[in-house]
C-alpha atoms as a PDB file:
ATOM      1  CA  MET A   1     -80.072 129.870 -23.790  1.00  0.00           C
ATOM      2  CA  LYS A   2     -82.485 131.702 -25.504  1.00  0.00           C
ATOM      3  CA  PRO A   3     -85.460 132.997 -23.412  1.00  0.00           C
ATOM      4  CA  ILE A   4     -88.410 130.964 -22.826  1.00  0.00           C
ATOM      5  CA  ALA A   5     -92.354 132.107 -22.902  1.00  0.00           C
ATOM      6  CA  ILE A   6     -94.775 130.043 -21.375  1.00  0.00           C
ATOM      7  CA  PHE A   7     -98.416 130.541 -22.670  1.00  0.00           C
ATOM      8  CA  TYR A   8    -101.458 128.749 -20.782  1.00  0.00           C
ATOM      9  CA  HIS A   9    -104.953 128.806 -21.910  1.00  0.00           C
ATOM     10  CA  MET A  10    -107.984 127.967 -19.562  1.00  0.00           C
ATOM     11  CA  ARG A  11    -111.641 128.391 -18.999  1.00  0.00           C
ATOM     12  CA  LEU A  12    -112.313 127.292 -15.178  1.00  0.00           C
ATOM     13  CA  MET A  13    -116.418 127.702 -15.245  1.00  0.00           C
ATOM     14  CA  GLY A  14    -119.295 128.294 -17.116  1.00  0.00           C
ATOM     15  CA  GLY A  15    -119.616 128.314 -20.867  1.00  0.00           C
ATOM     16  CA  ASP A  16    -121.144 125.957 -23.395  1.00  0.00           C
ATOM     17  CA  PRO A  17    -120.353 122.820 -22.355  1.00  0.00           C
ATOM     18  CA  PRO A  18    -120.273 124.219 -18.935  1.00  0.00           C
ATOM     19  CA  ILE A  19    -116.747 123.472 -17.049  1.00  0.00           C
ATOM     20  CA  ASN A  20    -116.823 122.004 -13.761  1.00  0.00           C
ATOM     21  CA  PHE A  21    -114.669 124.199 -11.572  1.00  0.00           C
ATOM     22  CA  ASP A  22    -113.372 121.680  -9.229  1.00  0.00           C
ATOM     23  CA  HIS A  23    -112.162 119.531 -12.167  1.00  0.00           C
ATOM     24  CA  CYS A  24    -110.645 121.992 -13.850  1.00  0.00           C
ATOM     25  CA  SER A  25    -108.862 123.634 -11.032  1.00  0.00           C
ATOM     26  CA  ASN A  26    -107.481 120.312 -10.357  1.00  0.00           C
ATOM     27  CA  ILE A  27    -106.127 120.065 -14.140  1.00  0.00           C
ATOM     28  CA  LEU A  28    -104.888 123.451 -13.276  1.00  0.00           C
ATOM     29  CA  ALA A  29    -103.123 122.389 -10.155  1.00  0.00           C
ATOM     30  CA  GLU A  30    -101.579 119.340 -11.514  1.00  0.00           C
ATOM     31  CA  GLN A  31    -100.413 121.117 -14.681  1.00  0.00           C
ATOM     32  CA  THR A  32     -98.978 124.039 -12.339  1.00  0.00           C
ATOM     33  CA  PHE A  33     -97.158 121.424 -10.310  1.00  0.00           C
ATOM     34  CA  ASP A  34     -95.816 119.839 -13.371  1.00  0.00           C
ATOM     35  CA  VAL A  35     -94.327 123.154 -15.004  1.00  0.00           C
ATOM     36  CA  ASN A  36     -92.835 124.265 -11.580  1.00  0.00           C
ATOM     37  CA  LYS A  37     -90.809 120.705 -10.805  1.00  0.00           C
ATOM     38  CA  SER A  38     -90.098 120.106 -14.197  1.00  0.00           C
ATOM     39  CA  GLY A  39     -87.818 123.238 -13.808  1.00  0.00           C
ATOM     40  CA  LEU A  40     -89.534 124.991 -16.788  1.00  0.00           C
ATOM     41  CA  GLN A  41     -91.042 128.054 -14.868  1.00  0.00           C
ATOM     42  CA  LYS A  42     -88.093 128.902 -13.227  1.00  0.00           C
ATOM     43  CA  SER A  43     -86.017 128.563 -16.480  1.00  0.00           C
ATOM     44  CA  ALA A  44     -88.682 130.982 -18.141  1.00  0.00           C
ATOM     45  CA  THR A  45     -88.614 134.765 -18.853  1.00  0.00           C
ATOM     46  CA  PHE A  46     -91.910 135.418 -19.563  1.00  0.00           C
ATOM     47  CA  LEU A  47     -95.197 133.868 -18.283  1.00  0.00           C
ATOM     48  CA  GLU A  48     -98.688 134.394 -19.681  1.00  0.00           C
ATOM     49  CA  SER A  49    -102.245 133.018 -19.482  1.00  0.00           C
ATOM     50  CA  GLY A  50    -105.442 133.728 -21.280  1.00  0.00           C
ATOM     51  CA  LEU A  51    -108.423 133.120 -19.460  1.00  0.00           C
ATOM     52  CA  ASN A  52    -111.662 132.883 -21.032  1.00  0.00           C
ATOM     53  CA  GLY A  53    -115.472 133.653 -19.511  1.00  0.00           C
ATOM     54  CA  GLU A  54    -115.505 133.852 -15.840  1.00  0.00           C
ATOM     55  CA  GLY A  55    -113.481 133.248 -12.648  1.00  0.00           C
ATOM     56  CA  ILE A  56    -110.655 136.129 -13.205  1.00  0.00           C
ATOM     57  CA  GLU A  57    -110.121 136.272  -9.434  1.00  0.00           C
ATOM     58  CA  ALA A  58    -109.703 132.543  -9.128  1.00  0.00           C
ATOM     59  CA  ALA A  59    -107.082 132.401 -12.012  1.00  0.00           C
ATOM     60  CA  GLN A  60    -105.605 135.211 -10.180  1.00  0.00           C
ATOM     61  CA  SER A  61    -105.212 133.036  -7.129  1.00  0.00           C
ATOM     62  CA  LEU A  62    -104.128 129.882  -9.023  1.00  0.00           C
ATOM     63  CA  VAL A  63    -101.599 130.747 -11.736  1.00  0.00           C
ATOM     64  CA  SER A  64     -98.618 132.990 -12.094  1.00  0.00           C
ATOM     65  CA  GLY A  65     -97.935 135.926 -14.664  1.00  0.00           C
ATOM     66  CA  ASN A  66     -99.708 137.950 -16.297  1.00  0.00           C
ATOM     67  CA  ILE A  67    -103.567 137.169 -17.186  1.00  0.00           C
ATOM     68  CA  LEU A  68    -105.426 138.381 -20.281  1.00  0.00           C
ATOM     69  CA  HIS A  69    -108.976 138.153 -19.546  1.00  0.00           C
ATOM     70  CA  HIS A  70    -111.333 137.483 -22.868  1.00  0.00           C
ATOM     71  CA  PRO A  71    -114.633 137.429 -21.033  1.00  0.00           C
ATOM     72  CA  GLU A  72    -116.842 136.471 -24.060  1.00  0.00           C
ATOM     73  CA  GLY A  73    -114.022 134.301 -25.553  1.00  0.00           C
ATOM     74  CA  ARG A  74    -114.893 130.764 -26.835  1.00  0.00           C
ATOM     75  CA  GLY A  75    -111.985 128.249 -27.509  1.00  0.00           C
ATOM     76  CA  GLU A  76    -108.196 128.887 -27.613  1.00  0.00           C
ATOM     77  CA  HIS A  77    -108.146 131.677 -30.386  1.00  0.00           C
ATOM     78  CA  PRO A  78    -107.801 134.918 -28.132  1.00  0.00           C
ATOM     79  CA  THR A  79    -104.870 133.107 -26.312  1.00  0.00           C
ATOM     80  CA  LEU A  80    -103.482 131.734 -29.507  1.00  0.00           C
ATOM     81  CA  ASN A  81    -103.545 135.204 -31.350  1.00  0.00           C
ATOM     82  CA  ARG A  82    -101.499 136.428 -28.481  1.00  0.00           C
ATOM     83  CA  VAL A  83     -98.805 133.497 -28.943  1.00  0.00           C
ATOM     84  CA  ARG A  84     -98.786 134.799 -32.608  1.00  0.00           C
ATOM     85  CA  GLU A  85     -98.148 138.449 -31.678  1.00  0.00           C
ATOM     86  CA  PHE A  86     -95.654 137.872 -29.107  1.00  0.00           C
ATOM     87  CA  ALA A  87     -93.883 135.366 -31.686  1.00  0.00           C
ATOM     88  CA  HIS A  88     -93.645 138.295 -33.973  1.00  0.00           C
ATOM     89  CA  ALA A  89     -92.366 140.700 -31.467  1.00  0.00           C
ATOM     90  CA  HIS A  90     -89.843 138.281 -29.820  1.00  0.00           C
ATOM     91  CA  PRO A  91     -88.212 136.415 -32.716  1.00  0.00           C
ATOM     92  CA  GLY A  92     -85.609 133.787 -31.695  1.00  0.00           C
ATOM     93  CA  TRP A  93     -87.675 132.855 -28.448  1.00  0.00           C
ATOM     94  CA  TYR A  94     -88.472 129.495 -27.303  1.00  0.00           C
ATOM     95  CA  LEU A  95     -92.380 129.294 -27.143  1.00  0.00           C
ATOM     96  CA  PHE A  96     -94.176 126.908 -25.038  1.00  0.00           C
ATOM     97  CA  TYR A  97     -98.020 126.556 -25.041  1.00  0.00           C
ATOM     98  CA  HIS A  98    -100.694 124.397 -23.249  1.00  0.00           C
ATOM     99  CA  HIS A  99    -104.185 124.440 -21.879  1.00  0.00           C
ATOM    100  CA  THR A 100    -106.411 122.891 -19.523  1.00  0.00           C
ATOM    101  CA  LYS A 101    -107.192 119.840 -21.935  1.00  0.00           C
ATOM    102  CA  GLY A 102    -109.674 117.617 -20.751  1.00  0.00           C
ATOM    103  CA  ALA A 103    -111.766 120.270 -18.533  1.00  0.00           C
ATOM    104  CA  ILE A 104    -115.127 119.662 -20.205  1.00  0.00           C
ATOM    105  CA  HIS A 105    -114.499 116.076 -19.872  1.00  0.00           C
ATOM    106  CA  THR A 106    -115.108 115.270 -16.093  1.00  0.00           C
ATOM    107  CA  GLY A 107    -114.136 111.947 -15.109  1.00  0.00           C
ATOM    108  CA  ASN A 108    -112.687 110.835 -18.782  1.00  0.00           C
ATOM    109  CA  GLU A 109    -109.511 108.914 -17.795  1.00  0.00           C
ATOM    110  CA  MET A 110    -108.466 108.705 -21.882  1.00  0.00           C
ATOM    111  CA  MET A 111    -108.704 112.542 -22.023  1.00  0.00           C
ATOM    112  CA  ALA A 112    -106.533 112.929 -18.915  1.00  0.00           C
ATOM    113  CA  GLY A 113    -104.084 110.316 -20.201  1.00  0.00           C
ATOM    114  CA  TRP A 114    -103.786 112.058 -23.120  1.00  0.00           C
ATOM    115  CA  ARG A 115    -102.916 115.151 -21.551  1.00  0.00           C
ATOM    116  CA  ARG A 116    -100.470 113.582 -19.167  1.00  0.00           C
ATOM    117  CA  CYS A 117     -98.789 112.001 -22.239  1.00  0.00           C
ATOM    118  CA  MET A 118     -98.544 115.607 -23.862  1.00  0.00           C
ATOM    119  CA  GLU A 119     -96.984 117.062 -20.560  1.00  0.00           C
ATOM    120  CA  TYR A 120     -94.640 114.058 -19.947  1.00  0.00           C
ATOM    121  CA  HIS A 121     -93.205 114.822 -23.899  1.00  0.00           C
ATOM    122  CA  LEU A 122     -93.404 118.647 -23.580  1.00  0.00           C
ATOM    123  CA  VAL A 123     -92.855 119.735 -20.178  1.00  0.00           C
ATOM    124  CA  TRP A 124     -91.160 116.824 -18.203  1.00  0.00           C
ATOM    125  CA  GLN A 125     -88.915 116.682 -21.353  1.00  0.00           C
ATOM    126  CA  TRP A 126     -88.586 120.507 -22.119  1.00  0.00           C
ATOM    127  CA  ARG A 127     -84.696 120.544 -22.566  1.00  0.00           C
ATOM    128  CA  THR A 128     -85.035 117.724 -25.111  1.00  0.00           C
ATOM    129  CA  CYS A 129     -87.832 119.824 -27.007  1.00  0.00           C
ATOM    130  CA  MET A 130     -85.197 123.000 -27.219  1.00  0.00           C
ATOM    131  CA  GLU A 131     -82.538 120.602 -27.985  1.00  0.00           C
ATOM    132  CA  ALA A 132     -84.675 119.286 -31.083  1.00  0.00           C
ATOM    133  CA  LEU A 133     -85.624 123.185 -31.900  1.00  0.00           C
ATOM    134  CA  ASP A 134     -81.991 124.194 -32.105  1.00  0.00           C
ATOM    135  CA  ALA A 135     -81.251 121.158 -34.279  1.00  0.00           C
ATOM    136  CA  GLY A 136     -83.381 122.816 -36.769  1.00  0.00           C
ATOM    137  CA  ALA A 137     -87.237 121.670 -36.141  1.00  0.00           C
ATOM    138  CA  GLU A 138     -89.892 124.293 -36.436  1.00  0.00           C
ATOM    139  CA  SER A 139     -91.832 123.179 -33.667  1.00  0.00           C
ATOM    140  CA  VAL A 140     -92.001 120.256 -31.413  1.00  0.00           C
ATOM    141  CA  GLY A 141     -94.974 118.406 -29.919  1.00  0.00           C
ATOM    142  CA  CYS A 142     -96.456 114.794 -29.852  1.00  0.00           C
ATOM    143  CA  HIS A 143     -99.350 113.251 -31.886  1.00  0.00           C
ATOM    144  CA  TYR A 144     -98.563 115.015 -34.964  1.00  0.00           C
ATOM    145  CA  MET A 145    -101.657 114.674 -37.388  1.00  0.00           C
ATOM    146  CA  THR A 146    -100.873 114.778 -41.080  1.00  0.00           C
ATOM    147  CA  PRO A 147    -103.198 114.094 -44.058  1.00  0.00           C
ATOM    148  CA  GLU A 148    -100.792 111.182 -45.434  1.00  0.00           C
ATOM    149  CA  LYS A 149    -101.404 109.283 -41.938  1.00  0.00           C
ATOM    150  CA  TYR A 150    -104.994 110.161 -41.026  1.00  0.00           C
ATOM    151  CA  GLY A 151    -106.590 111.183 -44.465  1.00  0.00           C
ATOM    152  CA  ALA A 152    -107.141 114.354 -45.932  1.00  0.00           C
ATOM    153  CA  HIS A 153    -111.014 113.897 -45.127  1.00  0.00           C
ATOM    154  CA  LEU A 154    -109.646 114.140 -41.519  1.00  0.00           C
ATOM    155  CA  VAL A 155    -106.468 116.079 -41.558  1.00  0.00           C
ATOM    156  CA  GLY A 156    -106.656 119.055 -44.041  1.00  0.00           C
ATOM    157  CA  VAL A 157    -102.955 120.148 -42.801  1.00  0.00           C
ATOM    158  CA  PRO A 158    -100.646 119.045 -40.251  1.00  0.00           C
ATOM    159  CA  TYR A 159    -100.872 119.912 -36.735  1.00  0.00           C
ATOM    160  CA  TRP A 160     -99.907 118.858 -33.196  1.00  0.00           C
ATOM    161  CA  GLY A 161    -103.155 116.960 -32.021  1.00  0.00           C
ATOM    162  CA  GLY A 162    -104.289 118.013 -28.706  1.00  0.00           C
ATOM    163  CA  ASN A 163    -102.455 121.574 -29.170  1.00  0.00           C
ATOM    164  CA  PHE A 164     -99.607 121.561 -26.940  1.00  0.00           C
ATOM    165  CA  TRP A 165     -96.210 122.653 -28.038  1.00  0.00           C
END
């Protein structure tokens, strides 16, 4: 089996809009449990998280692996740039990317359901995802958004809606 790298992106508190730490840490705990229970983390060779804003001490107590702190980071770009750098330096690796989807939407069950759907397909079914990649898929995710399906005025280029892959 090819080596697996897991990348995680988070913002635990503060920011604009503000993050509720308790809500976000619950998401993080749920995701960490799923990645562990599914066997994905045990099978991974490399694990790295990107943290925007405040909360480095809290992040260190909540996640495993290396944490890249982006104190002024906004959005997922700092972590996604790191994934791109890693991919170029490690051709042939499986890469898994996810984030604290819904952290700014406290109490929004639709957002929580969307996150859990992506986790089901990509975390709990990670072996099936690797089989698809081995069979020639360039990437694997769920909620594939295309201009043909949703209109070019909404979707300029194809992407994985929710940005777990």
